[in-house]
Amino acid sequence: PKRHLRLIPTPTIDSDVLSNLDKVDNRDLQRNYTDAVGSFTREVWNSGSVKKVNGDDIKTTGLLHVMQYIVNTINDPAGIPSILGAYEAMAEGECRRASDDQIKQFHETVNKTVKPLMPTDEATCNTKIRAAADSVVSKLSAEVGKWDKNGTWKKSLQEKLEKERTALLRVNSSKSKDVCDEIIKQADQTVRQKVGRGVYNRIGGFRAYKRDME
């Protein structure tokens, strides 16, 4: 295949800056370097063709995981970049990204469909939480199932969602208790007021008291 060699100028002639490129500001770098990198970046984004692995398109984020793997390996004195290593880095990175995205989606759904209903009966609360969880698990499988061959990331997401489910049920239960306590407090206050007025100090007063307490 045809290949193009692109020469990029050195970022700086200052050795101290050169050894700390990850910490310096772009203003400390040579203009011809930043211009060349900017031009190269635009060319990659605007004219690069879609990359495929085993017939599957790789997202831009997947390519970034590959680039990060290559850079880290090159900077490791004992590291040797490999096709297998790049593939595994891309697969793991995409699975992690998708898992994080679906956790965020779950929180957004719960905030819209579950929390506004609290407190509600436990069955309704549980059903809505499970629906939100099942939805994001399905989306994860559809997006990165081809990378998550043994289902490790799917299982990990399900475990995180189960913890979220039990935590939400505890919140719902706590809010239900608060509402019940408030109702009882109001009922007790009404009874105390009647006691103070002597409402129960008459024939049939005890039965009236029991009825109000019930």
N, C-alpha and C. Protein backbone atom coordinates (compact mmCIF):
# COMPACT_ATOMS: atom_id res chain seq x y z
N PRO A 1 0.83 -1.21 0.00
CA PRO A 1 0.00 0.00 0.00
C PRO A 1 0.86 1.25 0.00
N LYS A 2 0.30 2.34 -0.53
CA LYS A 2 1.03 3.61 -0.54
C LYS A 2 1.09 4.18 0.86
N ARG A 3 2.25 4.70 1.20
CA ARG A 3 2.42 5.32 2.51
C ARG A 3 3.02 6.70 2.34
N HIS A 4 2.63 7.61 3.22
CA HIS A 4 3.14 8.97 3.16
C HIS A 4 3.93 9.25 4.42
N LEU A 5 5.11 9.76 4.23
CA LEU A 5 5.96 10.11 5.36
C LEU A 5 5.73 11.58 5.70
N ARG A 6 5.41 11.84 6.92
CA ARG A 6 5.17 13.22 7.35
C ARG A 6 6.20 13.57 8.43
N LEU A 7 6.94 14.61 8.22
CA LEU A 7 7.93 15.06 9.19
C LEU A 7 7.34 16.18 10.04
N ILE A 8 7.40 16.01 11.34
CA ILE A 8 6.89 17.01 12.28
C ILE A 8 8.07 17.60 13.03
N PRO A 9 8.20 18.92 13.04
CA PRO A 9 9.34 19.57 13.72
C PRO A 9 9.36 19.23 15.21
N THR A 10 10.51 19.39 15.81
CA THR A 10 10.62 19.15 17.25
C THR A 10 9.78 20.18 18.01
N PRO A 11 9.12 19.78 19.09
CA PRO A 11 8.24 20.70 19.83
C PRO A 11 8.99 21.92 20.38
N THR A 12 10.25 21.71 20.78
CA THR A 12 11.01 22.80 21.39
C THR A 12 12.49 22.43 21.40
N ILE A 13 13.33 23.44 21.50
CA ILE A 13 14.77 23.17 21.63
C ILE A 13 15.20 23.20 23.09
N ASP A 14 14.26 23.52 23.98
CA ASP A 14 14.53 23.56 25.41
C ASP A 14 14.40 22.14 25.97
N SER A 15 15.51 21.58 26.46
CA SER A 15 15.51 20.19 26.93
C SER A 15 14.60 20.00 28.14
N ASP A 16 14.52 21.02 29.01
CA ASP A 16 13.64 20.89 30.19
C ASP A 16 12.18 20.80 29.77
N VAL A 17 11.80 21.63 28.82
CA VAL A 17 10.42 21.59 28.32
C VAL A 17 10.16 20.29 27.59
N LEU A 18 11.14 19.84 26.82
CA LEU A 18 10.99 18.63 26.03
C LEU A 18 10.77 17.40 26.91
N SER A 19 11.36 17.40 28.10
CA SER A 19 11.21 16.25 28.99
C SER A 19 9.94 16.32 29.82
N ASN A 20 9.17 17.41 29.68
CA ASN A 20 7.93 17.55 30.43
C ASN A 20 6.80 18.02 29.52
N LEU A 21 6.70 17.43 28.35
CA LEU A 21 5.71 17.88 27.37
C LEU A 21 4.27 17.74 27.87
N ASP A 22 4.02 16.76 28.75
CA ASP A 22 2.66 16.56 29.23
C ASP A 22 2.22 17.63 30.21
N LYS A 23 3.16 18.48 30.64
CA LYS A 23 2.84 19.49 31.65
C LYS A 23 2.94 20.92 31.15
N VAL A 24 3.48 21.11 29.95
CA VAL A 24 3.71 22.47 29.46
C VAL A 24 2.51 22.97 28.68
N ASP A 25 2.41 24.28 28.58
CA ASP A 25 1.35 24.92 27.82
C ASP A 25 1.75 24.98 26.34
N ASN A 26 0.76 24.96 25.46
CA ASN A 26 1.04 25.02 24.02
C ASN A 26 1.84 26.26 23.63
N ARG A 27 1.69 27.31 24.42
CA ARG A 27 2.42 28.55 24.13
C ARG A 27 3.92 28.40 24.30
N ASP A 28 4.32 27.35 25.03
CA ASP A 28 5.75 27.11 25.24
C ASP A 28 6.36 26.28 24.12
N LEU A 29 5.55 25.86 23.17
CA LEU A 29 6.03 25.02 22.07
C LEU A 29 6.24 25.88 20.82
N GLN A 30 7.11 25.38 19.94
CA GLN A 30 7.41 26.13 18.72
C GLN A 30 6.19 26.18 17.81
N ARG A 31 6.00 27.33 17.19
CA ARG A 31 4.82 27.55 16.34
C ARG A 31 4.77 26.55 15.18
N ASN A 32 5.92 26.29 14.56
CA ASN A 32 5.89 25.38 13.41
C ASN A 32 5.50 23.95 13.82
N TYR A 33 5.77 23.60 15.09
CA TYR A 33 5.38 22.28 15.60
C TYR A 33 3.86 22.22 15.78
N THR A 34 3.28 23.21 16.46
CA THR A 34 1.84 23.20 16.70
C THR A 34 1.07 23.29 15.39
N ASP A 35 1.60 24.05 14.43
CA ASP A 35 0.93 24.15 13.13
C ASP A 35 0.94 22.80 12.42
N ALA A 36 2.08 22.11 12.45
CA ALA A 36 2.20 20.82 11.78
C ALA A 36 1.29 19.78 12.43
N VAL A 37 1.24 19.77 13.77
CA VAL A 37 0.38 18.82 14.48
C VAL A 37 -1.09 19.13 14.20
N GLY A 38 -1.43 20.41 14.18
CA GLY A 38 -2.81 20.79 13.89
C GLY A 38 -3.23 20.37 12.50
N SER A 39 -2.33 20.55 11.54
CA SER A 39 -2.62 20.16 10.16
C SER A 39 -2.79 18.65 10.05
N PHE A 40 -1.92 17.90 10.72
CA PHE A 40 -2.00 16.44 10.70
C PHE A 40 -3.30 15.96 11.34
N THR A 41 -3.67 16.57 12.46
CA THR A 41 -4.90 16.18 13.16
C THR A 41 -6.12 16.41 12.28
N ARG A 42 -6.17 17.56 11.63
CA ARG A 42 -7.30 17.85 10.75
C ARG A 42 -7.38 16.85 9.60
N GLU A 43 -6.23 16.48 9.08
CA GLU A 43 -6.21 15.51 7.98
C GLU A 43 -6.74 14.16 8.43
N VAL A 44 -6.35 13.74 9.64
CA VAL A 44 -6.82 12.45 10.16
C VAL A 44 -8.34 12.45 10.32
N TRP A 45 -8.86 13.53 10.93
CA TRP A 45 -10.31 13.58 11.20
C TRP A 45 -11.13 13.75 9.92
N ASN A 46 -10.60 14.50 8.97
CA ASN A 46 -11.40 14.85 7.80
C ASN A 46 -11.27 13.88 6.63
N SER A 47 -10.14 13.20 6.53
CA SER A 47 -9.96 12.36 5.35
C SER A 47 -9.69 10.90 5.68
N GLY A 48 -9.60 10.56 6.95
CA GLY A 48 -9.32 9.18 7.31
C GLY A 48 -10.51 8.28 7.01
N SER A 49 -10.27 7.10 6.49
CA SER A 49 -11.34 6.15 6.20
C SER A 49 -11.69 5.36 7.46
N VAL A 50 -12.89 4.80 7.47
CA VAL A 50 -13.35 4.03 8.63
C VAL A 50 -12.50 2.78 8.77
N LYS A 51 -12.01 2.55 9.96
CA LYS A 51 -11.19 1.36 10.22
C LYS A 51 -12.09 0.22 10.68
N LYS A 52 -11.70 -1.00 10.33
CA LYS A 52 -12.48 -2.17 10.71
C LYS A 52 -11.57 -3.23 11.33
N VAL A 53 -12.12 -3.99 12.26
CA VAL A 53 -11.45 -5.15 12.85
C VAL A 53 -12.42 -6.30 12.79
N ASN A 54 -12.06 -7.36 12.11
CA ASN A 54 -12.95 -8.51 11.93
C ASN A 54 -14.30 -8.10 11.35
N GLY A 55 -14.26 -7.11 10.46
CA GLY A 55 -15.49 -6.68 9.80
C GLY A 55 -16.30 -5.67 10.56
N ASP A 56 -15.90 -5.31 11.79
CA ASP A 56 -16.65 -4.36 12.61
C ASP A 56 -15.98 -2.99 12.57
N ASP A 57 -16.80 -1.96 12.40
CA ASP A 57 -16.27 -0.60 12.42
C ASP A 57 -15.74 -0.25 13.80
N ILE A 58 -14.61 0.47 13.83
CA ILE A 58 -14.04 0.94 15.10
C ILE A 58 -14.38 2.41 15.25
N LYS A 59 -14.95 2.76 16.39
CA LYS A 59 -15.27 4.17 16.63
C LYS A 59 -13.99 4.97 16.85
N THR A 60 -14.14 6.29 16.78
CA THR A 60 -13.00 7.17 17.03
C THR A 60 -12.39 6.91 18.39
N THR A 61 -13.27 6.64 19.38
CA THR A 61 -12.76 6.36 20.72
C THR A 61 -11.90 5.11 20.74
N GLY A 62 -12.25 4.14 19.89
CA GLY A 62 -11.44 2.92 19.81
C GLY A 62 -10.05 3.21 19.29
N LEU A 63 -9.96 4.08 18.30
CA LEU A 63 -8.65 4.46 17.76
C LEU A 63 -7.83 5.20 18.81
N LEU A 64 -8.50 6.00 19.64
CA LEU A 64 -7.79 6.71 20.70
C LEU A 64 -7.20 5.74 21.71
N HIS A 65 -7.94 4.65 22.01
CA HIS A 65 -7.41 3.64 22.93
C HIS A 65 -6.16 2.98 22.34
N VAL A 66 -6.18 2.74 21.04
CA VAL A 66 -5.03 2.14 20.36
C VAL A 66 -3.83 3.09 20.43
N MET A 67 -4.09 4.37 20.17
CA MET A 67 -3.01 5.37 20.21
C MET A 67 -2.42 5.47 21.61
N GLN A 68 -3.28 5.44 22.61
CA GLN A 68 -2.79 5.53 23.99
C GLN A 68 -1.94 4.31 24.34
N TYR A 69 -2.38 3.14 23.88
CA TYR A 69 -1.61 1.92 24.12
C TYR A 69 -0.22 2.03 23.49
N ILE A 70 -0.18 2.50 22.23
CA ILE A 70 1.10 2.59 21.52
C ILE A 70 2.04 3.57 22.22
N VAL A 71 1.50 4.74 22.61
CA VAL A 71 2.33 5.75 23.28
C VAL A 71 2.86 5.21 24.61
N ASN A 72 1.98 4.58 25.39
CA ASN A 72 2.41 4.05 26.70
C ASN A 72 3.45 2.95 26.54
N THR A 73 3.26 2.12 25.52
CA THR A 73 4.20 1.02 25.30
C THR A 73 5.56 1.54 24.84
N ILE A 74 5.55 2.55 23.96
CA ILE A 74 6.81 3.13 23.49
C ILE A 74 7.57 3.77 24.64
N ASN A 75 6.82 4.41 25.55
CA ASN A 75 7.46 5.08 26.69
C ASN A 75 7.91 4.11 27.77
N ASP A 76 7.51 2.85 27.65
CA ASP A 76 7.94 1.82 28.61
C ASP A 76 9.23 1.19 28.09
N PRO A 77 10.35 1.33 28.83
CA PRO A 77 11.64 0.79 28.36
C PRO A 77 11.58 -0.68 28.00
N ALA A 78 10.68 -1.42 28.67
CA ALA A 78 10.61 -2.86 28.42
C ALA A 78 9.44 -3.22 27.51
N GLY A 79 8.72 -2.20 27.01
CA GLY A 79 7.53 -2.46 26.22
C GLY A 79 7.80 -2.60 24.74
N ILE A 80 7.03 -3.48 24.09
CA ILE A 80 7.12 -3.67 22.64
C ILE A 80 5.70 -3.68 22.09
N PRO A 81 5.33 -2.66 21.33
CA PRO A 81 3.96 -2.61 20.77
C PRO A 81 3.66 -3.83 19.90
N SER A 82 2.45 -4.29 19.96
CA SER A 82 2.06 -5.44 19.13
C SER A 82 0.62 -5.25 18.64
N ILE A 83 0.28 -5.93 17.57
CA ILE A 83 -1.08 -5.87 17.04
C ILE A 83 -2.07 -6.42 18.06
N LEU A 84 -1.71 -7.53 18.70
CA LEU A 84 -2.59 -8.14 19.70
C LEU A 84 -2.80 -7.19 20.88
N GLY A 85 -1.71 -6.56 21.32
CA GLY A 85 -1.81 -5.63 22.44
C GLY A 85 -2.70 -4.45 22.11
N ALA A 86 -2.56 -3.94 20.87
CA ALA A 86 -3.38 -2.81 20.44
C ALA A 86 -4.85 -3.21 20.37
N TYR A 87 -5.10 -4.40 19.87
CA TYR A 87 -6.48 -4.90 19.78
C TYR A 87 -7.10 -5.03 21.16
N GLU A 88 -6.36 -5.62 22.10
CA GLU A 88 -6.88 -5.81 23.45
C GLU A 88 -7.11 -4.47 24.15
N ALA A 89 -6.22 -3.51 23.92
CA ALA A 89 -6.38 -2.18 24.51
C ALA A 89 -7.62 -1.51 23.96
N MET A 90 -7.85 -1.65 22.65
CA MET A 90 -9.02 -1.05 22.03
C MET A 90 -10.30 -1.69 22.56
N ALA A 91 -10.31 -3.03 22.65
CA ALA A 91 -11.50 -3.74 23.12
C ALA A 91 -11.83 -3.38 24.56
N GLU A 92 -10.81 -3.39 25.42
CA GLU A 92 -11.03 -3.07 26.83
C GLU A 92 -11.46 -1.62 27.00
N GLY A 93 -10.82 -0.73 26.26
CA GLY A 93 -11.17 0.69 26.36
C GLY A 93 -12.59 0.96 25.92
N GLU A 94 -13.02 0.33 24.84
CA GLU A 94 -14.38 0.52 24.35
C GLU A 94 -15.41 -0.06 25.32
N CYS A 95 -15.10 -1.20 25.90
CA CYS A 95 -16.02 -1.81 26.87
C CYS A 95 -16.15 -0.94 28.12
N ARG A 96 -15.03 -0.39 28.57
CA ARG A 96 -15.07 0.47 29.75
C ARG A 96 -15.86 1.75 29.45
N ARG A 97 -15.62 2.34 28.29
CA ARG A 97 -16.34 3.55 27.92
C ARG A 97 -17.84 3.29 27.85
N ALA A 98 -18.21 2.19 27.19
CA ALA A 98 -19.63 1.87 27.04
C ALA A 98 -20.29 1.60 28.39
N SER A 99 -19.56 0.92 29.28
CA SER A 99 -20.10 0.64 30.62
C SER A 99 -20.34 1.93 31.39
N ASP A 100 -19.37 2.83 31.34
CA ASP A 100 -19.51 4.13 32.03
C ASP A 100 -20.69 4.92 31.44
N ASP A 101 -20.83 4.89 30.12
CA ASP A 101 -21.92 5.60 29.46
C ASP A 101 -23.28 5.07 29.89
N GLN A 102 -23.38 3.74 30.02
CA GLN A 102 -24.67 3.14 30.38
C GLN A 102 -25.02 3.36 31.85
N ILE A 103 -24.02 3.45 32.70
CA ILE A 103 -24.28 3.78 34.11
C ILE A 103 -24.86 5.20 34.18
N LYS A 104 -24.28 6.12 33.41
CA LYS A 104 -24.81 7.49 33.37
C LYS A 104 -26.24 7.51 32.84
N GLN A 105 -26.49 6.72 31.80
CA GLN A 105 -27.84 6.64 31.23
C GLN A 105 -28.83 6.08 32.25
N PHE A 106 -28.40 5.09 33.02
CA PHE A 106 -29.26 4.52 34.06
C PHE A 106 -29.64 5.57 35.08
N HIS A 107 -28.66 6.36 35.52
CA HIS A 107 -28.92 7.41 36.51
C HIS A 107 -29.91 8.44 35.95
N GLU A 108 -29.74 8.80 34.68
CA GLU A 108 -30.64 9.77 34.06
C GLU A 108 -32.07 9.23 34.00
N THR A 109 -32.21 7.96 33.65
CA THR A 109 -33.54 7.35 33.57
C THR A 109 -34.19 7.26 34.94
N VAL A 110 -33.41 6.85 35.93
CA VAL A 110 -33.94 6.73 37.29
C VAL A 110 -34.38 8.09 37.82
N ASN A 111 -33.60 9.11 37.53
CA ASN A 111 -33.95 10.46 37.99
C ASN A 111 -35.26 10.95 37.39
N LYS A 112 -35.59 10.44 36.20
CA LYS A 112 -36.81 10.88 35.52
C LYS A 112 -38.01 9.99 35.82
N THR A 113 -37.78 8.67 35.99
CA THR A 113 -38.91 7.74 36.07
C THR A 113 -39.11 7.09 37.44
N VAL A 114 -38.13 7.13 38.30
CA VAL A 114 -38.24 6.45 39.59
C VAL A 114 -38.29 7.42 40.76
N LYS A 115 -37.30 8.26 40.88
CA LYS A 115 -37.21 9.14 42.05
C LYS A 115 -38.41 10.08 42.20
N PRO A 116 -38.97 10.62 41.08
CA PRO A 116 -40.13 11.51 41.25
C PRO A 116 -41.34 10.80 41.87
N LEU A 117 -41.40 9.47 41.76
CA LEU A 117 -42.54 8.71 42.30
C LEU A 117 -42.37 8.38 43.78
N MET A 118 -41.18 8.51 44.29
CA MET A 118 -40.92 8.13 45.69
C MET A 118 -41.60 9.09 46.66
N PRO A 119 -42.23 8.55 47.73
CA PRO A 119 -42.31 7.12 48.03
C PRO A 119 -43.46 6.45 47.29
N THR A 120 -43.24 5.22 46.87
CA THR A 120 -44.27 4.42 46.23
C THR A 120 -44.15 3.00 46.75
N ASP A 121 -45.06 2.13 46.36
CA ASP A 121 -44.98 0.75 46.85
C ASP A 121 -43.74 0.08 46.27
N GLU A 122 -43.20 -0.84 47.03
CA GLU A 122 -41.91 -1.45 46.67
C GLU A 122 -41.97 -2.17 45.33
N ALA A 123 -43.09 -2.83 45.03
CA ALA A 123 -43.20 -3.58 43.78
C ALA A 123 -43.09 -2.65 42.57
N THR A 124 -43.79 -1.52 42.62
CA THR A 124 -43.73 -0.56 41.51
C THR A 124 -42.33 0.01 41.37
N CYS A 125 -41.74 0.37 42.50
CA CYS A 125 -40.39 0.94 42.49
C CYS A 125 -39.40 -0.06 41.90
N ASN A 126 -39.49 -1.30 42.35
CA ASN A 126 -38.56 -2.34 41.89
C ASN A 126 -38.73 -2.60 40.39
N THR A 127 -39.97 -2.62 39.92
CA THR A 127 -40.24 -2.87 38.50
C THR A 127 -39.62 -1.80 37.61
N LYS A 128 -39.77 -0.56 38.00
CA LYS A 128 -39.24 0.54 37.20
C LYS A 128 -37.71 0.55 37.22
N ILE A 129 -37.11 0.23 38.36
CA ILE A 129 -35.64 0.18 38.45
C ILE A 129 -35.11 -0.92 37.55
N ARG A 130 -35.75 -2.10 37.61
CA ARG A 130 -35.30 -3.22 36.78
C ARG A 130 -35.45 -2.92 35.29
N ALA A 131 -36.50 -2.21 34.93
CA ALA A 131 -36.70 -1.85 33.52
C ALA A 131 -35.57 -0.95 33.05
N ALA A 132 -35.18 0.01 33.88
CA ALA A 132 -34.08 0.91 33.53
C ALA A 132 -32.77 0.14 33.42
N ALA A 133 -32.57 -0.80 34.34
CA ALA A 133 -31.33 -1.59 34.35
C ALA A 133 -31.25 -2.52 33.14
N ASP A 134 -32.36 -3.20 32.84
CA ASP A 134 -32.38 -4.13 31.69
C ASP A 134 -32.12 -3.38 30.39
N SER A 135 -32.63 -2.15 30.30
CA SER A 135 -32.45 -1.36 29.08
C SER A 135 -30.98 -1.05 28.82
N VAL A 136 -30.27 -0.61 29.85
CA VAL A 136 -28.86 -0.24 29.64
C VAL A 136 -27.98 -1.46 29.43
N VAL A 137 -28.34 -2.59 30.05
CA VAL A 137 -27.56 -3.82 29.83
C VAL A 137 -27.71 -4.26 28.37
N SER A 138 -28.93 -4.14 27.84
CA SER A 138 -29.17 -4.50 26.44
C SER A 138 -28.37 -3.60 25.50
N LYS A 139 -28.33 -2.31 25.83
CA LYS A 139 -27.58 -1.36 25.00
C LYS A 139 -26.08 -1.66 25.04
N LEU A 140 -25.58 -2.03 26.22
CA LEU A 140 -24.16 -2.39 26.32
C LEU A 140 -23.84 -3.59 25.44
N SER A 141 -24.68 -4.61 25.50
CA SER A 141 -24.44 -5.83 24.71
C SER A 141 -24.48 -5.53 23.22
N ALA A 142 -25.43 -4.67 22.82
CA ALA A 142 -25.54 -4.33 21.40
C ALA A 142 -24.34 -3.54 20.91
N GLU A 143 -23.79 -2.70 21.79
CA GLU A 143 -22.70 -1.82 21.37
C GLU A 143 -21.34 -2.51 21.39
N VAL A 144 -21.04 -3.25 22.45
CA VAL A 144 -19.69 -3.82 22.58
C VAL A 144 -19.69 -5.32 22.82
N GLY A 145 -20.81 -5.98 22.53
CA GLY A 145 -20.86 -7.43 22.70
C GLY A 145 -19.80 -8.15 21.88
N LYS A 146 -19.47 -7.55 20.71
CA LYS A 146 -18.46 -8.15 19.84
C LYS A 146 -17.07 -8.13 20.46
N TRP A 147 -16.84 -7.18 21.41
CA TRP A 147 -15.56 -7.13 22.12
C TRP A 147 -15.61 -7.91 23.43
N ASP A 148 -16.78 -7.89 24.06
CA ASP A 148 -16.95 -8.54 25.36
C ASP A 148 -17.36 -10.00 25.15
N LYS A 149 -16.45 -10.78 24.59
CA LYS A 149 -16.76 -12.14 24.18
C LYS A 149 -17.23 -13.03 25.33
N ASN A 150 -16.59 -12.92 26.50
CA ASN A 150 -16.95 -13.80 27.61
C ASN A 150 -17.95 -13.16 28.58
N GLY A 151 -18.46 -11.99 28.23
CA GLY A 151 -19.49 -11.36 29.05
C GLY A 151 -19.01 -10.74 30.34
N THR A 152 -17.70 -10.51 30.47
CA THR A 152 -17.15 -9.96 31.71
C THR A 152 -17.69 -8.57 32.01
N TRP A 153 -17.71 -7.71 30.99
CA TRP A 153 -18.17 -6.34 31.19
C TRP A 153 -19.68 -6.29 31.42
N LYS A 154 -20.42 -7.16 30.76
CA LYS A 154 -21.87 -7.23 30.98
C LYS A 154 -22.16 -7.63 32.42
N LYS A 155 -21.44 -8.63 32.91
CA LYS A 155 -21.63 -9.09 34.29
C LYS A 155 -21.26 -7.99 35.27
N SER A 156 -20.16 -7.30 34.99
CA SER A 156 -19.73 -6.21 35.87
C SER A 156 -20.78 -5.11 35.95
N LEU A 157 -21.36 -4.76 34.79
CA LEU A 157 -22.41 -3.74 34.76
C LEU A 157 -23.63 -4.20 35.55
N GLN A 158 -24.00 -5.45 35.39
CA GLN A 158 -25.16 -5.98 36.11
C GLN A 158 -24.93 -5.95 37.62
N GLU A 159 -23.72 -6.23 38.06
CA GLU A 159 -23.42 -6.19 39.49
C GLU A 159 -23.52 -4.75 40.03
N LYS A 160 -23.03 -3.79 39.25
CA LYS A 160 -23.13 -2.38 39.66
C LYS A 160 -24.59 -1.94 39.73
N LEU A 161 -25.38 -2.37 38.76
CA LEU A 161 -26.78 -1.99 38.72
C LEU A 161 -27.57 -2.63 39.86
N GLU A 162 -27.18 -3.83 40.26
CA GLU A 162 -27.85 -4.48 41.38
C GLU A 162 -27.62 -3.70 42.67
N LYS A 163 -26.41 -3.19 42.85
CA LYS A 163 -26.13 -2.35 44.02
C LYS A 163 -26.95 -1.06 43.97
N GLU A 164 -27.07 -0.51 42.75
CA GLU A 164 -27.88 0.70 42.59
C GLU A 164 -29.35 0.40 42.93
N ARG A 165 -29.82 -0.77 42.51
CA ARG A 165 -31.22 -1.14 42.76
C ARG A 165 -31.52 -1.24 44.25
N THR A 166 -30.68 -1.95 44.97
CA THR A 166 -30.92 -2.11 46.41
C THR A 166 -30.81 -0.77 47.14
N ALA A 167 -29.90 0.09 46.69
CA ALA A 167 -29.75 1.41 47.32
C ALA A 167 -31.00 2.25 47.08
N LEU A 168 -31.56 2.19 45.87
CA LEU A 168 -32.76 2.95 45.56
C LEU A 168 -33.97 2.44 46.34
N LEU A 169 -34.04 1.12 46.52
CA LEU A 169 -35.14 0.56 47.30
C LEU A 169 -35.05 1.01 48.76
N ARG A 170 -33.83 1.14 49.28
CA ARG A 170 -33.67 1.63 50.65
C ARG A 170 -34.12 3.09 50.75
N VAL A 171 -33.79 3.87 49.73
CA VAL A 171 -34.22 5.28 49.72
C VAL A 171 -35.75 5.35 49.70
N ASN A 172 -36.37 4.53 48.87
CA ASN A 172 -37.83 4.52 48.77
C ASN A 172 -38.46 4.11 50.11
N SER A 173 -37.87 3.09 50.73
CA SER A 173 -38.38 2.62 52.03
C SER A 173 -38.24 3.71 53.09
N SER A 174 -37.12 4.40 53.08
CA SER A 174 -36.88 5.47 54.05
C SER A 174 -37.87 6.60 53.88
N LYS A 175 -38.13 6.96 52.61
CA LYS A 175 -39.09 8.03 52.36
C LYS A 175 -40.50 7.61 52.75
N SER A 176 -40.83 6.33 52.53
CA SER A 176 -42.14 5.82 52.93
C SER A 176 -42.30 5.91 54.45
N LYS A 177 -41.25 5.56 55.16
CA LYS A 177 -41.28 5.62 56.63
C LYS A 177 -41.47 7.06 57.10
N ASP A 178 -40.80 7.99 56.44
CA ASP A 178 -40.92 9.40 56.82
C ASP A 178 -42.37 9.88 56.66
N VAL A 179 -43.00 9.46 55.54
CA VAL A 179 -44.39 9.86 55.31
C VAL A 179 -45.31 9.26 56.36
N CYS A 180 -45.09 7.98 56.66
CA CYS A 180 -45.92 7.31 57.68
C CYS A 180 -45.74 7.96 59.05
N ASP A 181 -44.49 8.27 59.38
CA ASP A 181 -44.22 8.92 60.67
C ASP A 181 -44.93 10.26 60.77
N GLU A 182 -44.95 10.99 59.65
CA GLU A 182 -45.61 12.30 59.65
C GLU A 182 -47.12 12.15 59.82
N ILE A 183 -47.68 11.13 59.17
CA ILE A 183 -49.13 10.88 59.30
C ILE A 183 -49.48 10.52 60.75
N ILE A 184 -48.66 9.64 61.34
CA ILE A 184 -48.88 9.24 62.73
C ILE A 184 -48.73 10.44 63.66
N LYS A 185 -47.73 11.27 63.38
CA LYS A 185 -47.51 12.46 64.21
C LYS A 185 -48.73 13.37 64.17
N GLN A 186 -49.27 13.55 62.96
CA GLN A 186 -50.45 14.40 62.83
C GLN A 186 -51.66 13.81 63.52
N ALA A 187 -51.81 12.46 63.41
CA ALA A 187 -52.93 11.79 64.08
C ALA A 187 -52.79 11.90 65.59
N ASP A 188 -51.58 11.69 66.10
CA ASP A 188 -51.34 11.79 67.54
C ASP A 188 -51.64 13.20 68.02
N GLN A 189 -51.28 14.19 67.21
CA GLN A 189 -51.51 15.58 67.59
C GLN A 189 -53.01 15.87 67.71
N THR A 190 -53.78 15.29 66.77
CA THR A 190 -55.23 15.47 66.82
C THR A 190 -55.81 14.85 68.08
N VAL A 191 -55.33 13.64 68.41
CA VAL A 191 -55.82 12.94 69.60
C VAL A 191 -55.44 13.72 70.86
N ARG A 192 -54.19 14.23 70.89
CA ARG A 192 -53.76 14.98 72.07
C ARG A 192 -54.60 16.25 72.26
N GLN A 193 -54.93 16.87 71.14
CA GLN A 193 -55.76 18.07 71.23
C GLN A 193 -57.15 17.74 71.79
N LYS A 194 -57.69 16.58 71.37
CA LYS A 194 -59.01 16.16 71.88
C LYS A 194 -58.94 15.83 73.37
N VAL A 195 -57.83 15.20 73.76
CA VAL A 195 -57.64 14.89 75.19
C VAL A 195 -57.60 16.18 75.98
N GLY A 196 -56.89 17.17 75.45
CA GLY A 196 -56.78 18.45 76.14
C GLY A 196 -58.11 19.16 76.27
N ARG A 197 -58.99 18.96 75.29
CA ARG A 197 -60.29 19.61 75.35
C ARG A 197 -61.32 18.79 76.13
N GLY A 198 -60.90 17.57 76.59
CA GLY A 198 -61.81 16.73 77.37
C GLY A 198 -62.84 16.01 76.54
N VAL A 199 -62.56 15.86 75.22
CA VAL A 199 -63.52 15.20 74.33
C VAL A 199 -63.83 13.78 74.78
N TYR A 200 -62.83 13.11 75.34
CA TYR A 200 -63.03 11.71 75.71
C TYR A 200 -63.57 11.56 77.14
N ASN A 201 -63.76 12.66 77.86
CA ASN A 201 -64.23 12.60 79.26
C ASN A 201 -65.75 12.59 79.29
N ARG A 202 -66.32 11.60 78.64
CA ARG A 202 -67.77 11.46 78.60
C ARG A 202 -68.09 10.01 78.30
N ILE A 203 -69.36 9.68 78.36
CA ILE A 203 -69.78 8.30 78.07
C ILE A 203 -69.41 7.96 76.63
N GLY A 204 -68.81 6.81 76.48
CA GLY A 204 -68.37 6.39 75.14
C GLY A 204 -67.05 7.00 74.74
N GLY A 205 -66.42 7.73 75.64
CA GLY A 205 -65.17 8.40 75.32
C GLY A 205 -64.04 7.44 75.02
N PHE A 206 -64.00 6.30 75.74
CA PHE A 206 -62.91 5.34 75.51
C PHE A 206 -63.01 4.73 74.12
N ARG A 207 -64.27 4.38 73.74
CA ARG A 207 -64.45 3.81 72.40
C ARG A 207 -64.05 4.83 71.32
N ALA A 208 -64.38 6.09 71.56
CA ALA A 208 -64.00 7.14 70.60
C ALA A 208 -62.48 7.28 70.52
N TYR A 209 -61.85 7.15 71.71
CA TYR A 209 -60.38 7.24 71.74
C TYR A 209 -59.75 6.10 70.94
N LYS A 210 -60.24 4.88 71.13
CA LYS A 210 -59.70 3.71 70.42
C LYS A 210 -59.93 3.88 68.90
N ARG A 211 -61.12 4.38 68.56
CA ARG A 211 -61.41 4.58 67.13
C ARG A 211 -60.45 5.59 66.50
N ASP A 212 -60.18 6.67 67.20
CA ASP A 212 -59.27 7.69 66.67
C ASP A 212 -57.85 7.18 66.57
N MET A 213 -57.44 6.36 67.53
CA MET A 213 -56.08 5.82 67.51
C MET A 213 -55.89 4.81 66.38
N GLU A 214 -56.97 4.14 66.04
CA GLU A 214 -56.87 3.15 64.95
C GLU A 214 -56.81 3.84 63.60
